[in-house]
Amino acid sequence: MHPHRFRDLLAGVLILLAAGLHAPPVDAQAAPQATSQDAAAQEGMRTAINHYFNGQATGDASHMRRAFLPSARIESVRDGKVTSLTLDEFCSFFKGKPAADEASRVRTIDFLDASGTAGTARITLDHGAMVITDYFLLLKVGDEWRIANKISHFGRREGVSG
């Protein structure tokens, strides 16, 4: 599949997932309880995401390589331009030391969802004046969850300098 068609397909899937998350439940009383398989999947996805968080916090690219599949793409639109990176290109930004403002940064997992060996997650990275929203597609390969693709939105917080 051509990389642009894959990116378009990936964007469409994420839009559909996001739209479904805002739909109210038909009957909140009938909401299914999480199964132990769901809990195990969520724990595995959290492990991959925590590797990502540790890579950001420490500046150590080896954490990113543990978080992502080797074939992962990291994509965003910044200043009106599409950026599409390989894992190696993305890892080149991590120079082995934390950012100067690391102590003030906050990272949260907003949601996780999985079905079998496929999952999705949204995380928020609060960097003071910058708020980044990342969407991950994750795959369970063997016994391990890994991030297959990441797309990001870069936003600015009103009234905060930085």
Protein backbone atom coordinates (compact mmCIF):
# COMPACT_ATOMS: atom_id res chain seq x y z
CA MET A 1 0.00 0.00 0.00
CA HIS A 2 1.32 3.46 -0.89
CA PRO A 3 2.42 5.43 2.23
CA HIS A 4 -0.01 8.29 1.50
CA ARG A 5 -2.95 5.89 1.18
CA PHE A 6 -1.95 4.25 4.45
CA ARG A 7 -1.71 7.65 6.16
CA ASP A 8 -5.15 8.64 4.81
CA LEU A 9 -6.61 5.31 5.97
CA LEU A 10 -5.01 5.73 9.39
CA ALA A 11 -6.40 9.26 9.71
CA GLY A 12 -9.87 8.04 8.75
CA VAL A 13 -9.79 5.26 11.33
CA LEU A 14 -8.71 7.68 14.05
CA ILE A 15 -11.47 10.14 13.12
CA LEU A 16 -14.06 7.36 13.33
CA LEU A 17 -12.67 6.22 16.69
CA ALA A 18 -12.73 9.76 18.06
CA ALA A 19 -16.28 10.31 16.84
CA GLY A 20 -17.44 7.11 18.54
CA LEU A 21 -15.90 8.17 21.84
CA HIS A 22 -18.17 11.21 22.07
CA ALA A 23 -21.39 9.33 21.36
CA PRO A 24 -23.51 8.83 24.49
CA PRO A 25 -24.14 5.21 25.51
CA VAL A 26 -27.54 3.86 24.48
CA ASP A 27 -28.12 2.49 27.97
CA ALA A 28 -25.53 3.31 30.61
CA GLN A 29 -26.92 0.50 32.80
CA ALA A 30 -26.09 -2.02 30.08
CA ALA A 31 -22.43 -1.00 29.74
CA PRO A 32 -20.29 -4.16 29.79
CA GLN A 33 -17.84 -4.74 32.60
CA ALA A 34 -14.16 -4.93 31.73
CA THR A 35 -12.89 -8.49 31.44
CA SER A 36 -9.55 -9.73 32.73
CA GLN A 37 -8.44 -9.89 29.09
CA ASP A 38 -9.32 -6.17 28.74
CA ALA A 39 -7.37 -5.40 31.92
CA ALA A 40 -4.34 -7.34 30.63
CA ALA A 41 -4.51 -5.54 27.28
CA GLN A 42 -4.73 -2.16 28.97
CA GLU A 43 -1.79 -3.00 31.24
CA GLY A 44 0.27 -4.05 28.20
CA MET A 45 -0.61 -0.86 26.35
CA ARG A 46 0.27 1.20 29.45
CA THR A 47 3.68 -0.49 29.50
CA ALA A 48 4.37 0.60 25.90
CA ILE A 49 3.15 4.13 26.64
CA ASN A 50 5.28 4.30 29.80
CA HIS A 51 8.35 3.47 27.68
CA TYR A 52 7.36 6.43 25.50
CA PHE A 53 6.93 8.66 28.57
CA ASN A 54 10.32 7.52 29.94
CA GLY A 55 11.98 8.28 26.61
CA GLN A 56 10.59 11.80 26.70
CA ALA A 57 11.45 12.32 30.37
CA THR A 58 15.04 11.10 30.08
CA GLY A 59 15.86 11.93 26.47
CA ASP A 60 16.94 8.29 26.04
CA ALA A 61 15.98 6.97 22.60
CA SER A 62 16.28 3.35 23.76
CA HIS A 63 12.97 3.80 25.59
CA MET A 64 11.37 4.92 22.32
CA ARG A 65 12.69 1.83 20.57
CA ARG A 66 11.05 -0.31 23.27
CA ALA A 67 7.76 1.60 22.91
CA PHE A 68 7.43 1.53 19.10
CA LEU A 69 7.47 -1.12 16.41
CA PRO A 70 10.53 -0.69 14.15
CA SER A 71 8.18 0.09 11.24
CA ALA A 72 6.29 2.85 13.13
CA ARG A 73 5.53 6.23 11.58
CA ILE A 74 5.33 9.40 13.63
CA GLU A 75 3.22 12.06 11.93
CA SER A 76 1.82 15.51 12.62
CA VAL A 77 0.85 18.82 11.08
CA ARG A 78 2.90 21.69 12.48
CA ASP A 79 2.77 25.23 11.18
CA GLY A 80 0.62 23.96 8.31
CA LYS A 81 3.18 21.36 7.18
CA VAL A 82 2.86 17.59 7.38
CA THR A 83 5.74 15.88 9.11
CA SER A 84 6.18 12.13 8.65
CA LEU A 85 9.10 10.46 10.42
CA THR A 86 10.48 6.96 10.61
CA LEU A 87 11.34 5.64 14.06
CA ASP A 88 15.04 6.28 13.42
CA GLU A 89 14.33 9.89 12.45
CA PHE A 90 12.15 10.37 15.54
CA CYS A 91 14.77 8.80 17.83
CA SER A 92 17.41 11.21 16.51
CA PHE A 93 15.70 14.01 18.49
CA PHE A 94 16.50 12.27 21.79
CA LYS A 95 20.05 13.15 22.82
CA GLY A 96 20.26 11.33 26.17
CA LYS A 97 19.34 14.09 28.58
CA PRO A 98 16.04 15.50 29.84
CA ALA A 99 14.63 18.84 28.73
CA ALA A 100 15.49 21.80 30.96
CA ASP A 101 11.82 22.14 32.00
CA GLU A 102 11.25 18.39 32.55
CA ALA A 103 10.23 18.81 36.20
CA SER A 104 7.20 20.91 35.16
CA ARG A 105 5.96 18.62 32.37
CA VAL A 106 2.83 16.52 32.91
CA ARG A 107 1.91 13.42 30.88
CA THR A 108 -1.45 11.67 31.12
CA ILE A 109 -3.13 8.73 29.44
CA ASP A 110 -6.61 9.97 28.50
CA PHE A 111 -8.05 6.69 27.23
CA LEU A 112 -7.16 3.18 26.14
CA ASP A 113 -9.22 0.80 24.02
CA ALA A 114 -8.34 -2.65 22.72
CA SER A 115 -9.88 -5.43 20.72
CA GLY A 116 -7.82 -8.60 20.51
CA THR A 117 -4.37 -7.62 19.26
CA ALA A 118 -5.25 -4.06 18.20
CA GLY A 119 -5.62 -1.01 20.40
CA THR A 120 -5.72 2.75 20.47
CA ALA A 121 -4.80 5.39 23.03
CA ARG A 122 -4.87 9.15 23.45
CA ILE A 123 -2.36 10.90 25.67
CA THR A 124 -1.85 14.52 26.63
CA LEU A 125 1.55 16.11 27.15
CA ASP A 126 1.35 19.37 29.09
CA HIS A 127 4.54 21.33 28.50
CA GLY A 128 3.47 24.69 29.96
CA ALA A 129 2.59 26.90 27.01
CA MET A 130 2.44 23.87 24.68
CA VAL A 131 -0.16 21.12 24.98
CA ILE A 132 0.39 18.12 22.73
CA THR A 133 -2.26 15.49 22.06
CA ASP A 134 -0.93 12.17 20.76
CA TYR A 135 -3.03 9.38 19.30
CA PHE A 136 -1.44 5.93 19.19
CA LEU A 137 -2.37 2.80 17.29
CA LEU A 138 -0.96 -0.18 19.15
CA LEU A 139 -0.47 -3.83 18.22
CA LYS A 140 0.11 -6.83 20.42
CA VAL A 141 3.01 -8.75 18.93
CA GLY A 142 3.57 -12.01 20.77
CA ASP A 143 3.13 -11.11 24.43
CA GLU A 144 4.08 -7.45 24.05
CA TRP A 145 2.14 -4.34 23.07
CA ARG A 146 3.97 -1.81 20.88
CA ILE A 147 3.02 1.52 19.32
CA ALA A 148 2.54 1.00 15.57
CA ASN A 149 1.81 4.62 14.66
CA LYS A 150 1.57 8.00 16.35
CA ILE A 151 -0.12 11.18 15.21
CA SER A 152 0.08 14.44 17.14
CA HIS A 153 -1.66 17.77 17.50
CA PHE A 154 0.40 20.69 18.83
CA GLY A 155 -1.66 23.32 20.65
CA ARG A 156 -0.79 26.46 22.56
CA ARG A 157 -2.28 27.31 25.93
CA GLU A 158 -3.75 30.81 26.07
CA GLY A 159 -2.12 33.23 28.49
CA VAL A 160 0.96 31.09 29.21
CA SER A 161 4.38 32.18 28.07
CA GLY A 162 7.03 29.73 27.06
